[in-house]
Amino acid sequence: MTTPDPICALCGRPIPQGVAQSRHHLVPRLKGGKGGETVMLHHICHKEIHAALTEAELARAFHTVEALRGHPRLAKFIEWVRRRPPGFLSRTPGRRR
């Protein structure tokens, strides 16, 4: 029996085997999150989080999945990426703050 694909905590799409994925510390390690809670994400979703928010912003106000989903740039990204196949990978635009 095969195990089901993990689900990306940000976009909610499955992460098939062989697709780039990464573990995101909800509180950045450099801001006290070492050993803290982590979530599995598509690599593209993880890159977008770090392109949109600083480590300080992540630690202060965006240390839950719900808060991340509520950020305007990330909400727009999620709406866009959900229409892509689970293995989709694209360049993340530079920081826009």
PDB file of N, CA and C in Angstrom:
ATOM      1  N   MET A   1       0.836  -1.176   0.000  1.00  0.00           N
ATOM      2  CA  MET A   1       0.000   0.000   0.000  1.00  0.00           C
ATOM      3  C   MET A   1       0.887   1.248   0.000  1.00  0.00           C
ATOM      4  N   THR A   2       0.573   2.198  -0.864  1.00  0.00           N
ATOM      5  CA  THR A   2       1.365   3.411  -0.929  1.00  0.00           C
ATOM      6  C   THR A   2       0.815   4.460   0.034  1.00  0.00           C
ATOM      7  N   THR A   3       1.719   5.266   0.545  1.00  0.00           N
ATOM      8  CA  THR A   3       1.273   6.328   1.434  1.00  0.00           C
ATOM      9  C   THR A   3       0.819   7.516   0.590  1.00  0.00           C
ATOM     10  N   PRO A   4      -0.179   8.218   1.058  1.00  0.00           N
ATOM     11  CA  PRO A   4      -0.651   9.371   0.285  1.00  0.00           C
ATOM     12  C   PRO A   4       0.405  10.477   0.250  1.00  0.00           C
ATOM     13  N   ASP A   5       0.355  11.274  -0.814  1.00  0.00           N
ATOM     14  CA  ASP A   5       1.279  12.398  -0.925  1.00  0.00           C
ATOM     15  C   ASP A   5       1.011  13.390   0.198  1.00  0.00           C
ATOM     16  N   PRO A   6       2.077  14.007   0.734  1.00  0.00           N
ATOM     17  CA  PRO A   6       1.848  15.058   1.730  1.00  0.00           C
ATOM     18  C   PRO A   6       1.122  16.231   1.071  1.00  0.00           C
ATOM     19  N   ILE A   7       0.455  17.028   1.874  1.00  0.00           N
ATOM     20  CA  ILE A   7      -0.274  18.193   1.383  1.00  0.00           C
ATOM     21  C   ILE A   7       0.485  19.455   1.788  1.00  0.00           C
ATOM     22  N   CYS A   8       0.652  20.363   0.854  1.00  0.00           N
ATOM     23  CA  CYS A   8       1.317  21.633   1.133  1.00  0.00           C
ATOM     24  C   CYS A   8       0.467  22.435   2.110  1.00  0.00           C
ATOM     25  N   ALA A   9       1.073  22.866   3.194  1.00  0.00           N
ATOM     26  CA  ALA A   9       0.340  23.602   4.226  1.00  0.00           C
ATOM     27  C   ALA A   9      -0.125  24.970   3.734  1.00  0.00           C
ATOM     28  N   LEU A  10       0.535  25.539   2.732  1.00  0.00           N
ATOM     29  CA  LEU A  10       0.146  26.865   2.265  1.00  0.00           C
ATOM     30  C   LEU A  10      -0.949  26.793   1.203  1.00  0.00           C
ATOM     31  N   CYS A  11      -0.707  26.052   0.125  1.00  0.00           N
ATOM     32  CA  CYS A  11      -1.658  26.068  -1.001  1.00  0.00           C
ATOM     33  C   CYS A  11      -2.678  24.939  -0.954  1.00  0.00           C
ATOM     34  N   GLY A  12      -2.418  23.907  -0.163  1.00  0.00           N
ATOM     35  CA  GLY A  12      -3.365  22.801  -0.046  1.00  0.00           C
ATOM     36  C   GLY A  12      -3.299  21.772  -1.150  1.00  0.00           C
ATOM     37  N   ARG A  13      -2.359  21.928  -2.089  1.00  0.00           N
ATOM     38  CA  ARG A  13      -2.201  20.933  -3.160  1.00  0.00           C
ATOM     39  C   ARG A  13      -1.304  19.797  -2.676  1.00  0.00           C
ATOM     40  N   PRO A  14      -1.469  18.593  -3.253  1.00  0.00           N
ATOM     41  CA  PRO A  14      -0.571  17.496  -2.874  1.00  0.00           C
ATOM     42  C   PRO A  14       0.854  17.769  -3.354  1.00  0.00           C
ATOM     43  N   ILE A  15       1.806  17.171  -2.661  1.00  0.00           N
ATOM     44  CA  ILE A  15       3.215  17.266  -3.045  1.00  0.00           C
ATOM     45  C   ILE A  15       3.646  15.861  -3.487  1.00  0.00           C
ATOM     46  N   PRO A  16       3.547  15.563  -4.793  1.00  0.00           N
ATOM     47  CA  PRO A  16       3.894  14.222  -5.268  1.00  0.00           C
ATOM     48  C   PRO A  16       5.370  13.905  -5.042  1.00  0.00           C
ATOM     49  N   GLN A  17       5.660  12.634  -4.956  1.00  0.00           N
ATOM     50  CA  GLN A  17       7.039  12.181  -4.798  1.00  0.00           C
ATOM     51  C   GLN A  17       7.858  12.699  -5.975  1.00  0.00           C
ATOM     52  N   GLY A  18       9.039  13.199  -5.702  1.00  0.00           N
ATOM     53  CA  GLY A  18       9.911  13.712  -6.741  1.00  0.00           C
ATOM     54  C   GLY A  18       9.741  15.205  -7.009  1.00  0.00           C
ATOM     55  N   VAL A  19       8.727  15.826  -6.416  1.00  0.00           N
ATOM     56  CA  VAL A  19       8.514  17.260  -6.585  1.00  0.00           C
ATOM     57  C   VAL A  19       9.273  17.993  -5.485  1.00  0.00           C
ATOM     58  N   ALA A  20       9.901  19.097  -5.854  1.00  0.00           N
ATOM     59  CA  ALA A  20      10.681  19.869  -4.876  1.00  0.00           C
ATOM     60  C   ALA A  20       9.790  20.307  -3.722  1.00  0.00           C
ATOM     61  N   GLN A  21      10.249  20.018  -2.519  1.00  0.00           N
ATOM     62  CA  GLN A  21       9.503  20.371  -1.317  1.00  0.00           C
ATOM     63  C   GLN A  21      10.484  20.857  -0.261  1.00  0.00           C
ATOM     64  N   SER A  22       9.986  21.571   0.717  1.00  0.00           N
ATOM     65  CA  SER A  22      10.851  22.013   1.797  1.00  0.00           C
ATOM     66  C   SER A  22      10.059  22.193   3.076  1.00  0.00           C
ATOM     67  N   ARG A  23      10.773  22.145   4.172  1.00  0.00           N
ATOM     68  CA  ARG A  23      10.176  22.283   5.493  1.00  0.00           C
ATOM     69  C   ARG A  23      10.351  23.736   5.934  1.00  0.00           C
ATOM     70  N   HIS A  24       9.247  24.368   6.324  1.00  0.00           N
ATOM     71  CA  HIS A  24       9.257  25.776   6.736  1.00  0.00           C
ATOM     72  C   HIS A  24       9.083  25.871   8.243  1.00  0.00           C
ATOM     73  N   HIS A  25       9.992  26.580   8.898  1.00  0.00           N
ATOM     74  CA  HIS A  25       9.862  26.858  10.331  1.00  0.00           C
ATOM     75  C   HIS A  25       8.873  28.002  10.482  1.00  0.00           C
ATOM     76  N   LEU A  26       7.775  27.793  11.191  1.00  0.00           N
ATOM     77  CA  LEU A  26       6.771  28.836  11.346  1.00  0.00           C
ATOM     78  C   LEU A  26       7.356  30.061  12.057  1.00  0.00           C
ATOM     79  N   VAL A  27       8.197  29.837  13.035  1.00  0.00           N
ATOM     80  CA  VAL A  27       8.990  30.921  13.623  1.00  0.00           C
ATOM     81  C   VAL A  27      10.406  30.699  13.100  1.00  0.00           C
ATOM     82  N   PRO A  28      10.966  31.669  12.378  1.00  0.00           N
ATOM     83  CA  PRO A  28      12.304  31.467  11.805  1.00  0.00           C
ATOM     84  C   PRO A  28      13.329  31.041  12.853  1.00  0.00           C
ATOM     85  N   ARG A  29      14.216  30.162  12.446  1.00  0.00           N
ATOM     86  CA  ARG A  29      15.245  29.657  13.364  1.00  0.00           C
ATOM     87  C   ARG A  29      16.054  30.788  13.981  1.00  0.00           C
ATOM     88  N   LEU A  30      16.382  31.801  13.179  1.00  0.00           N
ATOM     89  CA  LEU A  30      17.182  32.914  13.684  1.00  0.00           C
ATOM     90  C   LEU A  30      16.420  33.810  14.646  1.00  0.00           C
ATOM     91  N   LYS A  31      15.108  33.632  14.715  1.00  0.00           N
ATOM     92  CA  LYS A  31      14.273  34.453  15.597  1.00  0.00           C
ATOM     93  C   LYS A  31      13.685  33.620  16.734  1.00  0.00           C
ATOM     94  N   GLY A  32      14.356  32.521  17.081  1.00  0.00           N
ATOM     95  CA  GLY A  32      13.933  31.712  18.218  1.00  0.00           C
ATOM     96  C   GLY A  32      13.138  30.470  17.875  1.00  0.00           C
ATOM     97  N   GLY A  33      13.027  30.148  16.598  1.00  0.00           N
ATOM     98  CA  GLY A  33      12.219  29.011  16.194  1.00  0.00           C
ATOM     99  C   GLY A  33      12.969  27.705  16.003  1.00  0.00           C
ATOM    100  N   LYS A  34      14.259  27.683  16.341  1.00  0.00           N
ATOM    101  CA  LYS A  34      15.023  26.448  16.184  1.00  0.00           C
ATOM    102  C   LYS A  34      14.397  25.365  17.047  1.00  0.00           C
ATOM    103  N   GLY A  35      14.043  24.247  16.444  1.00  0.00           N
ATOM    104  CA  GLY A  35      13.387  23.167  17.167  1.00  0.00           C
ATOM    105  C   GLY A  35      11.887  23.372  17.285  1.00  0.00           C
ATOM    106  N   GLY A  36      11.370  24.461  16.704  1.00  0.00           N
ATOM    107  CA  GLY A  36       9.941  24.755  16.780  1.00  0.00           C
ATOM    108  C   GLY A  36       9.143  24.045  15.704  1.00  0.00           C
ATOM    109  N   GLU A  37       7.875  24.400  15.613  1.00  0.00           N
ATOM    110  CA  GLU A  37       6.965  23.757  14.671  1.00  0.00           C
ATOM    111  C   GLU A  37       7.350  24.065  13.221  1.00  0.00           C
ATOM    112  N   THR A  38       7.268  23.028  12.389  1.00  0.00           N
ATOM    113  CA  THR A  38       7.539  23.177  10.961  1.00  0.00           C
ATOM    114  C   THR A  38       6.361  22.623  10.171  1.00  0.00           C
ATOM    115  N   VAL A  39       6.256  23.074   8.917  1.00  0.00           N
ATOM    116  CA  VAL A  39       5.236  22.563   8.010  1.00  0.00           C
ATOM    117  C   VAL A  39       5.901  22.243   6.677  1.00  0.00           C
ATOM    118  N   MET A  40       5.349  21.272   5.952  1.00  0.00           N
ATOM    119  CA  MET A  40       5.869  20.886   4.652  1.00  0.00           C
ATOM    120  C   MET A  40       5.204  21.751   3.578  1.00  0.00           C
ATOM    121  N   LEU A  41       6.014  22.252   2.651  1.00  0.00           N
ATOM    122  CA  LEU A  41       5.534  23.119   1.580  1.00  0.00           C
ATOM    123  C   LEU A  41       6.135  22.714   0.245  1.00  0.00           C
ATOM    124  N   HIS A  42       5.425  23.045  -0.847  1.00  0.00           N
ATOM    125  CA  HIS A  42       6.076  22.994  -2.151  1.00  0.00           C
ATOM    126  C   HIS A  42       7.235  23.993  -2.085  1.00  0.00           C
ATOM    127  N   HIS A  43       8.289  23.704  -2.804  1.00  0.00           N
ATOM    128  CA  HIS A  43       9.444  24.611  -2.800  1.00  0.00           C
ATOM    129  C   HIS A  43       9.031  25.999  -3.306  1.00  0.00           C
ATOM    130  N   ILE A  44       8.188  26.060  -4.331  1.00  0.00           N
ATOM    131  CA  ILE A  44       7.740  27.341  -4.879  1.00  0.00           C
ATOM    132  C   ILE A  44       6.948  28.132  -3.833  1.00  0.00           C
ATOM    133  N   CYS A  45       6.155  27.457  -3.016  1.00  0.00           N
ATOM    134  CA  CYS A  45       5.381  28.135  -1.966  1.00  0.00           C
ATOM    135  C   CYS A  45       6.309  28.677  -0.882  1.00  0.00           C
ATOM    136  N   HIS A  46       7.319  27.895  -0.527  1.00  0.00           N
ATOM    137  CA  HIS A  46       8.290  28.316   0.479  1.00  0.00           C
ATOM    138  C   HIS A  46       9.064  29.537  -0.008  1.00  0.00           C
ATOM    139  N   LYS A  47       9.488  29.511  -1.264  1.00  0.00           N
ATOM    140  CA  LYS A  47      10.219  30.640  -1.823  1.00  0.00           C
ATOM    141  C   LYS A  47       9.367  31.899  -1.817  1.00  0.00           C
ATOM    142  N   GLU A  48       8.085  31.767  -2.110  1.00  0.00           N
ATOM    143  CA  GLU A  48       7.197  32.929  -2.145  1.00  0.00           C
ATOM    144  C   GLU A  48       7.033  33.538  -0.752  1.00  0.00           C
ATOM    145  N   ILE A  49       6.942  32.702   0.273  1.00  0.00           N
ATOM    146  CA  ILE A  49       6.839  33.210   1.646  1.00  0.00           C
ATOM    147  C   ILE A  49       8.039  34.088   1.965  1.00  0.00           C
ATOM    148  N   HIS A  50       9.245  33.597   1.651  1.00  0.00           N
ATOM    149  CA  HIS A  50      10.450  34.338   1.991  1.00  0.00           C
ATOM    150  C   HIS A  50      10.699  35.521   1.063  1.00  0.00           C
ATOM    151  N   ALA A  51      10.091  35.530  -0.119  1.00  0.00           N
ATOM    152  CA  ALA A  51      10.177  36.695  -0.996  1.00  0.00           C
ATOM    153  C   ALA A  51       9.233  37.799  -0.515  1.00  0.00           C
ATOM    154  N   ALA A  52       8.145  37.410   0.126  1.00  0.00           N
ATOM    155  CA  ALA A  52       7.126  38.377   0.550  1.00  0.00           C
ATOM    156  C   ALA A  52       7.387  38.957   1.934  1.00  0.00           C
ATOM    157  N   LEU A  53       8.016  38.194   2.810  1.00  0.00           N
ATOM    158  CA  LEU A  53       8.125  38.598   4.217  1.00  0.00           C
ATOM    159  C   LEU A  53       9.555  38.471   4.735  1.00  0.00           C
ATOM    160  N   THR A  54       9.921  39.378   5.627  1.00  0.00           N
ATOM    161  CA  THR A  54      11.232  39.297   6.276  1.00  0.00           C
ATOM    162  C   THR A  54      11.161  38.280   7.420  1.00  0.00           C
ATOM    163  N   GLU A  55      12.315  37.910   7.910  1.00  0.00           N
ATOM    164  CA  GLU A  55      12.367  36.993   9.060  1.00  0.00           C
ATOM    165  C   GLU A  55      11.655  37.629  10.261  1.00  0.00           C
ATOM    166  N   ALA A  56      11.865  38.929  10.453  1.00  0.00           N
ATOM    167  CA  ALA A  56      11.228  39.625  11.578  1.00  0.00           C
ATOM    168  C   ALA A  56       9.702  39.621  11.429  1.00  0.00           C
ATOM    169  N   GLU A  57       9.198  39.858  10.222  1.00  0.00           N
ATOM    170  CA  GLU A  57       7.749  39.842   9.992  1.00  0.00           C
ATOM    171  C   GLU A  57       7.179  38.452  10.236  1.00  0.00           C
ATOM    172  N   LEU A  58       7.903  37.433   9.784  1.00  0.00           N
ATOM    173  CA  LEU A  58       7.456  36.058  10.004  1.00  0.00           C
ATOM    174  C   LEU A  58       7.363  35.764  11.496  1.00  0.00           C
ATOM    175  N   ALA A  59       8.376  36.151  12.257  1.00  0.00           N
ATOM    176  CA  ALA A  59       8.392  35.875  13.697  1.00  0.00           C
ATOM    177  C   ALA A  59       7.319  36.664  14.438  1.00  0.00           C
ATOM    178  N   ARG A  60       7.122  37.913  14.041  1.00  0.00           N
ATOM    179  CA  ARG A  60       6.225  38.804  14.767  1.00  0.00           C
ATOM    180  C   ARG A  60       4.750  38.540  14.470  1.00  0.00           C
ATOM    181  N   ALA A  61       4.392  38.407  13.181  1.00  0.00           N
ATOM    182  CA  ALA A  61       2.960  38.389  12.844  1.00  0.00           C
ATOM    183  C   ALA A  61       2.514  37.258  11.935  1.00  0.00           C
ATOM    184  N   PHE A  62       3.449  36.542  11.338  1.00  0.00           N
ATOM    185  CA  PHE A  62       3.065  35.527  10.353  1.00  0.00           C
ATOM    186  C   PHE A  62       3.635  34.162  10.711  1.00  0.00           C
ATOM    187  N   HIS A  63       3.449  33.756  11.976  1.00  0.00           N
ATOM    188  CA  HIS A  63       4.015  32.493  12.468  1.00  0.00           C
ATOM    189  C   HIS A  63       2.977  31.375  12.538  1.00  0.00           C
ATOM    190  N   THR A  64       1.848  31.563  11.823  1.00  0.00           N
ATOM    191  CA  THR A  64       0.864  30.472  11.685  1.00  0.00           C
ATOM    192  C   THR A  64       0.503  30.354  10.210  1.00  0.00           C
ATOM    193  N   VAL A  65       0.030  29.186   9.821  1.00  0.00           N
ATOM    194  CA  VAL A  65      -0.388  28.983   8.437  1.00  0.00           C
ATOM    195  C   VAL A  65      -1.544  29.922   8.103  1.00  0.00           C
ATOM    196  N   GLU A  66      -2.466  30.109   9.031  1.00  0.00           N
ATOM    197  CA  GLU A  66      -3.621  30.986   8.797  1.00  0.00           C
ATOM    198  C   GLU A  66      -3.169  32.424   8.534  1.00  0.00           C
ATOM    199  N   ALA A  67      -2.201  32.897   9.316  1.00  0.00           N
ATOM    200  CA  ALA A  67      -1.693  34.252   9.119  1.00  0.00           C
ATOM    201  C   ALA A  67      -1.003  34.378   7.761  1.00  0.00           C
ATOM    202  N   LEU A  68      -0.219  33.358   7.392  1.00  0.00           N
ATOM    203  CA  LEU A  68       0.437  33.383   6.082  1.00  0.00           C
ATOM    204  C   LEU A  68      -0.600  33.448   4.959  1.00  0.00           C
ATOM    205  N   ARG A  69      -1.632  32.635   5.060  1.00  0.00           N
ATOM    206  CA  ARG A  69      -2.678  32.626   4.033  1.00  0.00           C
ATOM    207  C   ARG A  69      -3.426  33.949   3.958  1.00  0.00           C
ATOM    208  N   GLY A  70      -3.455  34.688   5.055  1.00  0.00           N
ATOM    209  CA  GLY A  70      -4.154  35.960   5.092  1.00  0.00           C
ATOM    210  C   GLY A  70      -3.346  37.142   4.577  1.00  0.00           C
ATOM    211  N   HIS A  71      -2.045  36.964   4.371  1.00  0.00           N
ATOM    212  CA  HIS A  71      -1.210  38.042   3.848  1.00  0.00           C
ATOM    213  C   HIS A  71      -1.634  38.323   2.403  1.00  0.00           C
ATOM    214  N   PRO A  72      -1.858  39.593   2.030  1.00  0.00           N
ATOM    215  CA  PRO A  72      -2.383  39.900   0.688  1.00  0.00           C
ATOM    216  C   PRO A  72      -1.573  39.319  -0.474  1.00  0.00           C
ATOM    217  N   ARG A  73      -0.251  39.458  -0.440  1.00  0.00           N
ATOM    218  CA  ARG A  73       0.561  38.923  -1.540  1.00  0.00           C
ATOM    219  C   ARG A  73       0.471  37.400  -1.581  1.00  0.00           C
ATOM    220  N   LEU A  74       0.532  36.755  -0.417  1.00  0.00           N
ATOM    221  CA  LEU A  74       0.482  35.296  -0.387  1.00  0.00           C
ATOM    222  C   LEU A  74      -0.898  34.792  -0.773  1.00  0.00           C
ATOM    223  N   ALA A  75      -1.963  35.496  -0.391  1.00  0.00           N
ATOM    224  CA  ALA A  75      -3.320  35.087  -0.778  1.00  0.00           C
ATOM    225  C   ALA A  75      -3.469  35.123  -2.294  1.00  0.00           C
ATOM    226  N   LYS A  76      -2.924  36.155  -2.916  1.00  0.00           N
ATOM    227  CA  LYS A  76      -2.973  36.261  -4.378  1.00  0.00           C
ATOM    228  C   LYS A  76      -2.157  35.138  -5.023  1.00  0.00           C
ATOM    229  N   PHE A  77      -0.973  34.868  -4.460  1.00  0.00           N
ATOM    230  CA  PHE A  77      -0.122  33.782  -4.951  1.00  0.00           C
ATOM    231  C   PHE A  77      -0.838  32.435  -4.845  1.00  0.00           C
ATOM    232  N   ILE A  78      -1.473  32.176  -3.695  1.00  0.00           N
ATOM    233  CA  ILE A  78      -2.176  30.904  -3.489  1.00  0.00           C
ATOM    234  C   ILE A  78      -3.274  30.732  -4.514  1.00  0.00           C
ATOM    235  N   GLU A  79      -4.035  31.778  -4.754  1.00  0.00           N
ATOM    236  CA  GLU A  79      -5.104  31.717  -5.752  1.00  0.00           C
ATOM    237  C   GLU A  79      -4.527  31.366  -7.128  1.00  0.00           C
ATOM    238  N   TRP A  80      -3.385  31.949  -7.464  1.00  0.00           N
ATOM    239  CA  TRP A  80      -2.736  31.689  -8.744  1.00  0.00           C
ATOM    240  C   TRP A  80      -2.162  30.271  -8.817  1.00  0.00           C
ATOM    241  N   VAL A  81      -1.420  29.850  -7.785  1.00  0.00           N
ATOM    242  CA  VAL A  81      -0.709  28.573  -7.843  1.00  0.00           C
ATOM    243  C   VAL A  81      -1.658  27.373  -7.757  1.00  0.00           C
ATOM    244  N   ARG A  82      -2.813  27.546  -7.155  1.00  0.00           N
ATOM    245  CA  ARG A  82      -3.768  26.432  -7.062  1.00  0.00           C
ATOM    246  C   ARG A  82      -4.275  25.989  -8.430  1.00  0.00           C
ATOM    247  N   ARG A  83      -4.137  26.857  -9.427  1.00  0.00           N
ATOM    248  CA  ARG A  83      -4.561  26.499 -10.791  1.00  0.00           C
ATOM    249  C   ARG A  83      -3.439  25.793 -11.557  1.00  0.00           C
ATOM    250  N   ARG A  84      -2.307  25.589 -10.908  1.00  0.00           N
ATOM    251  CA  ARG A  84      -1.159  24.921 -11.538  1.00  0.00           C
ATOM    252  C   ARG A  84      -1.086  23.469 -11.066  1.00  0.00           C
ATOM    253  N   PRO A  85      -0.467  22.604 -11.867  1.00  0.00           N
ATOM    254  CA  PRO A  85      -0.305  21.211 -11.415  1.00  0.00           C
ATOM    255  C   PRO A  85       0.626  21.143 -10.202  1.00  0.00           C
ATOM    256  N   PRO A  86       0.497  20.099  -9.373  1.00  0.00           N
ATOM    257  CA  PRO A  86       1.301  19.991  -8.147  1.00  0.00           C
ATOM    258  C   PRO A  86       2.808  20.055  -8.374  1.00  0.00           C
ATOM    259  N   GLY A  87       3.280  19.633  -9.541  1.00  0.00           N
ATOM    260  CA  GLY A  87       4.716  19.645  -9.809  1.00  0.00           C
ATOM    261  C   GLY A  87       5.222  20.937 -10.417  1.00  0.00           C
ATOM    262  N   PHE A  88       4.359  21.932 -10.552  1.00  0.00           N
ATOM    263  CA  PHE A  88       4.728  23.194 -11.192  1.00  0.00           C
ATOM    264  C   PHE A  88       5.821  23.897 -10.407  1.00  0.00           C
ATOM    265  N   LEU A  89       6.821  24.410 -11.116  1.00  0.00           N
ATOM    266  CA  LEU A  89       7.897  25.165 -10.489  1.00  0.00           C
ATOM    267  C   LEU A  89       8.210  26.344 -11.392  1.00  0.00           C
ATOM    268  N   SER A  90       8.326  27.500 -10.810  1.00  0.00           N
ATOM    269  CA  SER A  90       8.585  28.716 -11.563  1.00  0.00           C
ATOM    270  C   SER A  90       9.512  29.591 -10.751  1.00  0.00           C
ATOM    271  N   ARG A  91      10.134  30.532 -11.420  1.00  0.00           N
ATOM    272  CA  ARG A  91      10.963  31.500 -10.689  1.00  0.00           C
ATOM    273  C   ARG A  91      10.058  32.375  -9.845  1.00  0.00           C
ATOM    274  N   THR A  92      10.496  32.667  -8.645  1.00  0.00           N
ATOM    275  CA  THR A  92       9.768  33.565  -7.770  1.00  0.00           C
ATOM    276  C   THR A  92      10.283  34.968  -8.038  1.00  0.00           C
ATOM    277  N   PRO A  93       9.362  35.916  -8.280  1.00  0.00           N
ATOM    278  CA  PRO A  93       9.840  37.290  -8.511  1.00  0.00           C
ATOM    279  C   PRO A  93      10.590  37.814  -7.299  1.00  0.00           C
ATOM    280  N   GLY A  94      11.416  38.808  -7.519  1.00  0.00           N
ATOM    281  CA  GLY A  94      12.194  39.393  -6.428  1.00  0.00           C
ATOM    282  C   GLY A  94      11.314  39.999  -5.354  1.00  0.00           C
ATOM    283  N   ARG A  95      11.929  40.388  -4.280  1.00  0.00           N
ATOM    284  CA  ARG A  95      11.204  40.974  -3.154  1.00  0.00           C
ATOM    285  C   ARG A  95      10.457  42.222  -3.610  1.00  0.00           C
ATOM    286  N   ARG A  96       9.225  42.348  -3.173  1.00  0.00           N
ATOM    287  CA  ARG A  96       8.408  43.518  -3.514  1.00  0.00           C
ATOM    288  C   ARG A  96       7.848  44.112  -2.231  1.00  0.00           C
ATOM    289  N   ARG A  97       8.691  44.752  -1.470  1.00  0.00           N
ATOM    290  CA  ARG A  97       8.205  45.348  -0.215  1.00  0.00           C
ATOM    291  C   ARG A  97       8.387  46.818  -0.253  1.00  0.00           C
TER     292      ARG A  97
END
